[in-house]
Protein backbone atom coordinates (compact mmCIF):
# COMPACT_ATOMS: atom_id res chain seq x y z
CA UNK A 1 -4.33 -8.12 9.44
CA UNK A 2 -5.20 -8.91 13.15
CA UNK A 3 -8.60 -7.65 13.16
CA UNK A 4 -9.68 -11.19 14.67
CA UNK A 5 -12.49 -12.33 16.97
CA UNK A 6 -11.33 -10.59 20.09
CA UNK A 7 -10.65 -7.12 18.52
CA UNK A 8 -14.22 -7.41 17.66
CA UNK A 9 -15.11 -8.35 21.18
CA UNK A 10 -13.17 -5.12 22.32
CA UNK A 11 -14.72 -2.88 19.82
CA UNK A 12 -18.17 -3.83 20.71
CA UNK A 13 -17.16 -3.53 24.37
CA UNK A 14 -16.17 0.41 23.55
CA UNK A 15 -18.83 1.19 21.02
CA UNK A 16 -21.72 0.11 23.28
CA UNK A 17 -19.96 2.25 26.32
CA UNK A 18 -19.41 5.04 24.01
CA UNK A 19 -22.38 5.26 21.38
CA UNK A 20 -25.54 3.43 22.79
CA UNK A 21 -28.38 5.27 23.38
CA UNK A 22 -26.97 7.96 20.85
CA UNK A 23 -28.28 9.52 17.84
CA UNK A 24 -27.84 9.38 14.16
CA UNK A 25 -27.27 12.66 12.81
CA UNK A 26 -26.37 12.37 9.23
CA UNK A 27 -24.77 9.34 7.03
CA UNK A 28 -21.94 10.19 4.56
CA UNK A 29 -20.31 7.59 2.25
CA UNK A 30 -16.93 8.90 1.57
CA UNK A 31 -15.44 5.76 -0.70
CA UNK A 32 -17.23 3.58 -2.70
CA UNK A 33 -17.13 0.52 0.35
CA UNK A 34 -16.91 3.31 3.32
CA UNK A 35 -19.76 4.48 5.66
CA UNK A 36 -19.15 7.50 7.84
CA UNK A 37 -22.25 8.17 10.56
CA UNK A 38 -22.02 11.14 12.74
CA UNK A 39 -23.48 10.31 16.42
CA UNK A 40 -24.79 12.70 19.18
CA UNK A 41 -23.96 10.59 22.16
CA UNK A 42 -23.58 11.66 26.02
CA UNK A 43 -23.50 15.59 25.19
CA UNK A 44 -20.37 14.92 22.37
CA UNK A 45 -20.18 14.31 18.79
CA UNK A 46 -18.61 11.23 17.69
CA UNK A 47 -17.81 9.79 13.89
CA UNK A 48 -18.79 6.03 13.24
CA UNK A 49 -16.57 4.55 10.47
CA UNK A 50 -17.79 1.30 8.88
CA UNK A 51 -15.05 0.21 6.34
CA UNK A 52 -16.07 -2.95 3.64
CA UNK A 53 -12.48 -2.30 1.84
CA UNK A 54 -10.88 -5.61 0.76
CA UNK A 55 -7.57 -4.35 2.38
CA UNK A 56 -8.42 -2.41 5.62
CA UNK A 57 -12.31 -3.80 6.61
CA UNK A 58 -12.87 -2.50 10.00
CA UNK A 59 -15.35 -0.20 12.41
CA UNK A 60 -14.40 2.15 15.23
CA UNK A 61 -14.65 5.52 16.22
CA UNK A 62 -12.61 8.33 13.88
CA UNK A 63 -11.28 11.90 13.93
CA UNK A 64 -10.11 11.51 10.34
CA UNK A 65 -12.03 13.99 8.10
CA UNK A 66 -12.89 12.93 4.68
CA UNK A 67 -13.98 14.66 1.59
CA UNK A 68 -17.54 13.66 0.44
CA UNK A 69 -18.80 13.21 -3.18
CA UNK A 70 -20.79 16.20 -4.58
CA UNK A 71 -23.82 13.33 -5.27
CA UNK A 72 -24.45 10.91 -2.59
CA UNK A 73 -24.34 7.00 -3.30
CA UNK A 74 -27.44 5.14 -3.83
CA UNK A 75 -26.76 3.24 -0.37
CA UNK A 76 -26.00 6.44 1.56
CA UNK A 77 -29.36 7.48 0.58
CA UNK A 78 -30.92 4.33 1.84
CA UNK A 79 -28.91 4.43 5.18
CA UNK A 80 -29.95 8.19 5.65
CA UNK A 81 -33.74 7.53 4.72
CA UNK A 82 -33.97 4.72 7.30
CA UNK A 83 -31.14 5.53 10.23
CA UNK A 84 -31.20 9.43 10.24
CA UNK A 85 -32.64 10.46 13.66
CA UNK A 86 -32.25 7.05 14.68
CA UNK A 87 -31.53 5.93 18.35
CA UNK A 88 -28.63 3.48 18.73
CA UNK A 89 -29.74 0.80 20.76
CA UNK A 90 -26.85 -1.55 21.04
CA UNK A 91 -23.85 -2.79 19.35
CA UNK A 92 -23.53 -6.72 19.04
CA UNK A 93 -21.35 -9.56 17.44
CA UNK A 94 -21.85 -13.15 17.30
CA UNK A 95 -19.56 -15.90 18.72
CA UNK A 96 -16.21 -14.29 18.13
CA UNK A 97 -16.99 -13.99 14.63
CA UNK A 98 -15.53 -10.65 12.89
CA UNK A 99 -19.42 -9.66 12.51
CA UNK A 100 -20.77 -6.75 14.17
CA UNK A 101 -24.43 -5.45 14.24
CA UNK A 102 -25.72 -1.95 15.48
CA UNK A 103 -29.10 -1.88 16.29
CA UNK A 104 -31.23 1.13 15.62
CA UNK A 105 -34.88 2.45 16.27
CA UNK A 106 -36.18 5.04 13.73
CA UNK A 107 -39.33 6.00 12.72
CA UNK A 108 -40.63 5.85 9.21
CA UNK A 109 -42.20 8.28 6.98
CA UNK A 110 -45.58 7.76 8.67
CA UNK A 111 -43.93 7.72 12.08
CA UNK A 112 -44.06 4.13 12.54
CA UNK A 113 -40.84 2.98 14.85
CA UNK A 114 -39.12 -0.02 14.06
CA UNK A 115 -35.67 -1.41 14.49
CA UNK A 116 -33.07 -1.86 12.12
CA UNK A 117 -29.85 -3.68 11.80
CA UNK A 118 -26.74 -2.21 10.55
CA UNK A 119 -24.18 -5.25 9.84
CA UNK A 120 -20.51 -4.83 9.17
CA UNK A 121 -18.81 -8.39 8.15
CA UNK A 122 -14.88 -8.18 8.49
CA UNK A 123 -13.92 -11.00 6.10
CA UNK A 124 -10.99 -9.40 3.81
CA UNK A 125 -12.19 -9.07 0.36
CA UNK A 126 -15.67 -10.48 1.21
CA UNK A 127 -16.27 -7.82 3.79
CA UNK A 128 -19.58 -6.16 3.09
CA UNK A 129 -22.06 -3.71 5.04
CA UNK A 130 -25.74 -4.82 5.00
CA UNK A 131 -28.82 -3.39 6.45
CA UNK A 132 -31.56 -5.64 7.61
CA UNK A 133 -35.09 -4.85 9.03
CA UNK A 134 -37.04 -6.12 12.30
CA UNK A 135 -37.67 -9.17 10.18
CA UNK A 136 -34.04 -10.22 9.87
CA UNK A 137 -34.58 -9.48 5.95
CA UNK A 138 -32.08 -7.46 3.93
CA UNK A 139 -32.72 -4.11 2.79
CA UNK A 140 -29.73 -3.47 0.69
CA UNK A 141 -25.89 -4.07 1.01
CA UNK A 142 -23.13 -1.83 0.04
CA UNK A 143 -21.80 -4.73 -2.07
CA UNK A 144 -24.27 -6.82 -3.76
CA UNK A 145 -23.47 -11.05 -3.84
CA UNK A 146 -25.91 -12.96 -6.09
CA UNK A 147 -25.92 -16.60 -7.11
CA UNK A 148 -23.36 -16.18 -9.82
CA UNK A 149 -20.87 -14.98 -7.32
CA UNK A 150 -21.71 -17.21 -4.48
CA UNK A 151 -24.09 -20.43 -4.49
CA UNK A 152 -23.61 -20.74 -0.78
CA UNK A 153 -25.00 -17.00 0.54
CA UNK A 154 -26.79 -14.45 -1.58
CA UNK A 155 -26.43 -11.02 -0.28
CA UNK A 156 -29.43 -9.09 -2.19
CA UNK A 157 -32.46 -6.79 -1.20
CA UNK A 158 -35.49 -8.70 -0.04
CA UNK A 159 -33.39 -12.10 0.87
CA UNK A 160 -33.22 -13.37 4.37
CA UNK A 161 -29.81 -12.51 6.52
CA UNK A 162 -28.00 -15.56 6.70
CA UNK A 163 -24.54 -15.71 8.39
CA UNK A 164 -21.44 -16.91 6.85
CA UNK A 165 -20.96 -20.56 7.28
CA UNK A 166 -19.28 -21.07 10.72
CA UNK A 167 -15.83 -22.44 11.59
CA UNK A 168 -15.23 -25.70 13.23
CA UNK A 169 -13.19 -24.09 16.31
CA UNK A 170 -14.04 -23.69 19.94
CA UNK A 171 -15.12 -20.43 21.42
CA UNK A 172 -13.09 -18.60 24.25
CA UNK A 173 -15.98 -18.88 26.40
CA UNK A 174 -16.31 -22.69 26.36
CA UNK A 175 -12.40 -23.30 26.42
CA UNK A 176 -11.02 -26.04 28.34
CA UNK A 177 -7.51 -25.10 28.16
CA UNK A 178 -6.28 -28.81 29.83
CA UNK A 179 -8.40 -30.42 27.13
CA UNK A 180 -6.93 -28.16 24.63
CA UNK A 181 -3.33 -29.14 25.60
CA UNK A 182 -4.12 -32.69 25.85
CA UNK A 183 -5.33 -33.04 22.25
CA UNK A 184 -2.19 -31.38 20.99
CA UNK A 185 -0.08 -34.22 21.79
CA UNK A 186 -1.67 -35.73 18.72
CA UNK A 187 -0.92 -33.24 16.19
CA UNK A 188 2.15 -32.53 14.32
CA UNK A 189 1.43 -29.19 12.74
CA UNK A 190 2.95 -26.22 14.41
CA UNK A 191 1.78 -25.06 17.91
CA UNK A 192 0.72 -21.81 16.23
CA UNK A 193 -1.43 -23.25 13.49
CA UNK A 194 -2.74 -25.61 16.17
CA UNK A 195 -3.86 -22.89 18.31
CA UNK A 196 -5.27 -20.66 15.18
CA UNK A 197 -7.46 -23.95 13.78
CA UNK A 198 -8.78 -24.97 17.58
CA UNK A 199 -9.64 -21.41 19.16
CA UNK A 200 -12.33 -19.15 17.46
CA UNK A 201 -11.56 -15.61 17.26
CA UNK A 202 -7.54 -16.20 17.58
CA UNK A 203 -5.27 -14.50 14.80
CA UNK A 204 -1.84 -15.66 14.25
CA UNK A 205 -0.55 -12.75 16.10
CA UNK A 206 -2.23 -13.86 19.07
CA UNK A 207 -1.22 -17.18 18.77
CA UNK A 208 2.11 -16.41 18.46
CA UNK A 209 1.94 -14.15 21.61
CA UNK A 210 0.55 -17.39 23.38
CA UNK A 211 3.47 -19.17 22.52
CA UNK A 212 5.98 -16.28 23.48
CA UNK A 213 4.16 -16.23 26.99
CA UNK A 214 4.62 -19.86 27.56
CA UNK A 215 8.24 -19.59 26.58
CA UNK A 216 7.64 -22.13 23.41
CA UNK A 217 8.95 -21.91 19.95
CA UNK A 218 5.71 -21.02 17.93
CA UNK A 219 6.86 -23.46 15.04
CA UNK A 220 7.97 -26.34 17.31
CA UNK A 221 4.85 -29.31 16.60
CA UNK A 222 2.57 -29.29 19.08
CA UNK A 223 3.25 -33.24 19.65
CA UNK A 224 6.32 -32.40 20.73
CA UNK A 225 5.67 -30.56 23.65
CA UNK A 226 7.21 -31.65 26.85
CA UNK A 227 5.47 -31.93 30.45
CA UNK A 228 6.53 -28.56 31.48
CA UNK A 229 5.61 -27.05 28.21
CA UNK A 230 2.39 -28.42 27.92
CA UNK A 231 2.01 -26.84 31.69
CA UNK A 232 3.18 -23.60 30.83
CA UNK A 233 0.58 -23.30 27.84
CA UNK A 234 -2.26 -24.55 30.01
CA UNK A 235 -1.55 -21.46 32.17
CA UNK A 236 -1.19 -18.82 29.33
CA UNK A 237 -4.08 -20.06 27.58
CA UNK A 238 -6.22 -20.03 30.56
CA UNK A 239 -4.89 -16.75 31.75
CA UNK A 240 -5.33 -15.18 27.94
CA UNK A 241 -8.81 -16.39 28.15
CA UNK A 242 -9.70 -15.18 31.51
CA UNK A 243 -8.58 -11.43 30.45
CA UNK A 244 -10.98 -11.95 27.21
CA UNK A 245 -13.65 -12.64 29.28
CA UNK A 246 -13.35 -10.01 32.02
CA UNK A 247 -12.72 -7.45 29.13
CA UNK A 248 -9.18 -6.57 30.66
CA UNK A 249 -7.94 -5.44 27.11
CA UNK A 250 -4.87 -3.14 26.92
CA UNK A 251 -4.75 -1.76 22.96
CA UNK A 252 -1.76 -1.45 21.11
CA UNK A 253 -0.03 -0.76 17.96
CA UNK A 254 3.11 -2.68 17.24
CA UNK A 255 5.98 -0.92 15.08
CA UNK A 256 8.99 -1.81 12.91
CA UNK A 257 11.24 1.11 14.21
CA UNK A 258 12.40 2.89 17.31
CA UNK A 259 11.05 6.29 16.09
CA UNK A 260 7.25 4.31 16.26
CA UNK A 261 6.55 5.88 12.46
CA UNK A 262 6.40 2.32 10.73
CA UNK A 263 3.06 0.19 11.93
CA UNK A 264 3.28 -3.00 11.67
CA UNK A 265 0.50 -4.67 13.47
CA UNK A 266 -2.05 -4.05 16.36
CA UNK A 267 -4.01 -5.77 19.07
CA UNK A 268 -6.56 -5.52 21.89
CA UNK A 269 -4.26 -7.56 24.21
CA UNK A 270 -0.88 -6.75 25.49
CA UNK A 271 1.78 -7.85 23.22
CA UNK A 272 5.26 -8.83 24.37
CA UNK A 273 6.81 -10.65 21.70
CA UNK A 274 7.62 -7.21 19.82
CA UNK A 275 10.14 -4.54 21.07
CA UNK A 276 8.60 -1.38 19.83
CA UNK A 277 4.93 -1.28 21.13
CA UNK A 278 2.87 1.83 22.01
CA UNK A 279 -0.24 1.54 24.21
CA UNK A 280 -3.13 3.62 23.71
CA UNK A 281 -6.26 4.51 25.48
CA UNK A 282 -8.87 2.94 23.43
CA UNK A 283 -9.40 0.38 20.56
CA UNK A 284 -10.61 3.11 18.36
CA UNK A 285 -7.66 5.41 19.03
CA UNK A 286 -5.53 2.38 18.01
CA UNK A 287 -7.39 1.40 14.90
CA UNK A 288 -7.71 5.24 13.57
CA UNK A 289 -3.66 5.85 14.29
CA UNK A 290 -3.23 2.58 12.34
CA UNK A 291 -5.15 2.74 9.72
CA UNK A 292 -4.15 6.72 9.40
CA UNK A 293 -0.45 5.79 9.61
CA UNK A 294 -1.05 3.04 7.02
CA UNK A 295 -2.83 5.25 4.67
CA UNK A 296 0.06 8.07 4.85
CA UNK A 297 2.41 5.14 4.20
CA UNK A 298 0.46 3.96 1.23
CA UNK A 299 -0.07 7.20 -0.15
CA UNK A 300 3.74 7.53 0.21
CA UNK A 301 4.50 4.71 -1.36
CA UNK A 302 2.19 5.25 -4.53
CA UNK A 303 3.47 9.06 -5.03
CA UNK A 304 7.03 7.60 -4.65
CA UNK A 305 6.11 5.12 -7.32
CA UNK A 306 4.84 7.72 -9.41
CA UNK A 307 7.50 10.14 -9.23
CA UNK A 308 10.01 7.04 -9.70
CA UNK A 309 8.43 6.03 -12.83
CA UNK A 310 8.65 9.30 -14.34
CA UNK A 311 12.55 9.83 -13.17
CA UNK A 312 13.40 6.43 -14.30
CA UNK A 313 11.74 7.26 -17.89
CA UNK A 314 13.49 10.55 -18.00
CA UNK A 315 16.94 8.87 -17.18
CA UNK A 316 16.75 6.51 -19.80
CA UNK A 317 16.06 8.99 -22.32
CA UNK A 318 18.98 10.77 -21.09
CA UNK A 319 21.50 7.88 -21.14
CA UNK A 320 19.93 7.34 -24.64
CA UNK A 321 20.64 10.79 -25.56
CA UNK A 322 24.31 10.58 -24.11
CA UNK A 323 25.12 7.66 -26.12
CA UNK A 324 24.28 9.40 -29.19
CA UNK A 325 26.21 12.62 -28.00
CA UNK A 326 29.14 10.46 -27.37
CA UNK A 327 28.89 8.76 -30.86
CA UNK A 328 28.53 12.00 -32.44
CA UNK A 329 31.50 13.38 -30.72
CA UNK A 330 33.82 10.34 -31.57
CA UNK A 331 32.81 10.82 -35.24
CA UNK A 332 33.89 14.24 -35.17
CA UNK A 333 37.18 13.89 -32.97
CA UNK A 334 39.49 13.79 -36.10
CA UNK A 335 37.99 17.17 -37.59
CA UNK A 336 41.47 18.50 -37.48
CA UNK A 337 42.51 16.24 -40.29
CA UNK A 338 39.87 17.96 -42.48
CA UNK A 339 41.46 21.31 -41.98
CA UNK A 340 44.80 19.82 -42.52
CA UNK A 341 43.55 18.20 -46.00
CA UNK A 342 42.37 21.44 -47.01
CA UNK A 343 45.35 23.61 -46.09
CA UNK A 344 47.71 21.06 -47.99
CA UNK A 345 45.39 21.20 -51.08
CA UNK A 346 45.58 25.06 -51.05
CA UNK A 347 49.48 24.79 -50.60
CA UNK A 348 50.02 22.23 -53.14
CA UNK A 349 47.21 23.57 -55.82
CA UNK A 350 49.77 24.02 -58.55
CA UNK A 351 51.14 20.74 -58.85
CA UNK A 352 47.82 18.51 -58.47
CA UNK A 353 46.17 17.64 -61.82
CA UNK A 354 42.56 18.28 -62.63
CA UNK A 355 40.60 14.85 -62.08
CA UNK A 356 42.81 13.47 -59.82
CA UNK A 357 41.39 10.77 -57.56
CA UNK A 358 43.54 10.88 -54.84
CA UNK A 359 47.04 12.61 -53.93
CA UNK A 360 50.25 12.22 -51.83
CA UNK A 361 51.06 15.51 -50.40
CA UNK A 362 54.08 16.43 -48.10
CA UNK A 363 52.94 17.23 -44.53
CA UNK A 364 55.12 20.41 -43.94
CA UNK A 365 53.10 20.62 -40.33
CA UNK A 366 54.90 17.19 -39.22
CA UNK A 367 58.27 16.98 -37.94
CA UNK A 368 58.92 13.67 -39.77
CA UNK A 369 57.71 15.45 -43.20
CA UNK A 370 55.77 12.48 -44.15
CA UNK A 371 53.63 12.23 -46.85
CA UNK A 372 49.62 12.01 -46.53
CA UNK A 373 47.22 10.43 -49.03
CA UNK A 374 44.43 12.40 -49.49
CA UNK A 375 41.48 11.38 -51.49
CA UNK A 376 39.93 14.11 -54.06
CA UNK A 377 36.61 14.19 -56.17
CA UNK A 378 37.84 13.79 -59.59
CA UNK A 379 34.60 15.89 -60.61
CA UNK A 380 35.61 18.86 -58.70
CA UNK A 381 39.18 21.10 -59.35
CA UNK A 382 41.69 21.16 -56.74
CA UNK A 383 40.53 24.45 -54.87
CA UNK A 384 37.10 23.08 -54.90
CA UNK A 385 38.23 20.18 -53.10
CA UNK A 386 39.86 22.12 -50.65
CA UNK A 387 37.07 24.19 -50.07
CA UNK A 388 35.06 20.67 -49.48
CA UNK A 389 37.50 19.94 -46.78
CA UNK A 390 37.35 23.12 -44.93
CA UNK A 391 33.35 22.95 -45.18
CA UNK A 392 33.60 19.67 -43.56
CA UNK A 393 35.97 21.05 -40.97
CA UNK A 394 33.80 23.94 -40.10
CA UNK A 395 30.54 21.53 -39.83
CA UNK A 396 32.73 19.25 -37.86
CA UNK A 397 34.23 21.99 -35.60
CA UNK A 398 30.42 23.47 -34.88
CA UNK A 399 29.02 19.76 -34.49
CA UNK A 400 31.98 19.45 -31.55
CA UNK A 401 31.18 22.59 -29.64
CA UNK A 402 27.62 22.07 -29.71
CA UNK A 403 27.21 18.62 -28.70
CA UNK A 404 30.00 19.15 -26.36
CA UNK A 405 27.80 21.88 -24.60
CA UNK A 406 24.55 19.48 -24.95
CA UNK A 407 26.97 16.59 -23.54
CA UNK A 408 27.56 18.73 -20.38
CA UNK A 409 24.23 19.47 -19.81
CA UNK A 410 22.84 15.94 -20.10
CA UNK A 411 25.55 15.01 -17.51
CA UNK A 412 24.25 17.38 -15.28
CA UNK A 413 20.87 16.40 -15.61
CA UNK A 414 21.58 13.04 -14.70
CA UNK A 415 23.47 14.00 -11.93
CA UNK A 416 20.21 15.73 -10.72
CA UNK A 417 18.07 12.82 -11.73
CA UNK A 418 20.29 10.73 -9.28
CA UNK A 419 20.33 12.91 -6.58
CA UNK A 420 16.28 12.91 -6.92
CA UNK A 421 16.37 9.17 -6.73
CA UNK A 422 18.35 9.32 -3.35
CA UNK A 423 15.88 11.63 -2.08
CA UNK A 424 13.01 9.50 -3.03
CA UNK A 425 14.75 6.80 -1.16
CA UNK A 426 14.97 8.69 2.08
CA UNK A 427 11.88 10.41 1.64
CA UNK A 428 9.62 9.61 4.97
CA UNK A 429 6.42 12.06 4.57
CA UNK A 430 4.56 13.03 1.43
CA UNK A 431 4.87 16.16 0.49
């Protein structure tokens, strides 16, 4: 996920222009790790989304509508108490880290005005939303981190707020491109990784973009750059840093397909390394569109998975049923023999002795006039043996007809289920 330090700076710049000076009207918590704040600013209404989701942590203005729980969670109630009616003073971020703070001036129950800060830390599964007071002490957080979880940094009420451990990288504001290039000559790691490990706030996507603009393979060892490549890399890095410092951002979404339906990535810098790129007017629009599409894709994937599981289970049952029905059909395939045995016994009943275990009778239906050996029940009379074979024939005939109909229905059901699987493979929108 390319929500890097550069995107954080772009988001802070946008939120400052749009929401600074606005009033917080309502606070909601539609998800366990998500806060939605309604803000009135510059004669317009805005919705500020803060998400501490492990998969999609972010902060931006959104147009999305989400259903809120009937009973607001405890953290939501706390934010309403401290922030409702408050004035947004500013947005800030720290040294290209993915930590954004929103300062809010509000009055308590006694009318005393104080400044509080709502901080979102965008750090993957360690993402958090934290409310601190004017003395930089934590009032509460959407996720509590005690000493059992982290011995380095606790995020608990009444504890002082401490920034996460910093990275040993150079900030773009203090970066010397020539020095960066000269230091690369002693490093054997791929150039993309060298840039990622050297420049604060840069994501792998932006590092690959710099390599692409410089015309260098991002997997090339940094130490293998020739004079021409070193010069090109230095100029591209310098130009990129200048664009960042001048806030010349061009938010865009990168797609996998020409139809622009499958979002792959996003960034606030212009991206040239991908073919299908769509630019939008603001970073918030990019984030809102990107995560809305991701959310739709995730829901579609989940629905597909659920339906696929049901269809596969039903297909397994149908295949087992089909195997049983085919075996049953094979068992009664020689049912006409039973009828023949009954008829031959009846035709020769006068010459069959009682108590016979088997008889050899002339098959008058055959052109070869061969004799057939027929097993007999010695405890039954010849007529009763004939009736026994006729009953077996009647049962086998009924089984053949009934099972044949079931077999046809099972095959039709399997054909239908296979068509459903085909439709699922080509489905692009949830119902």
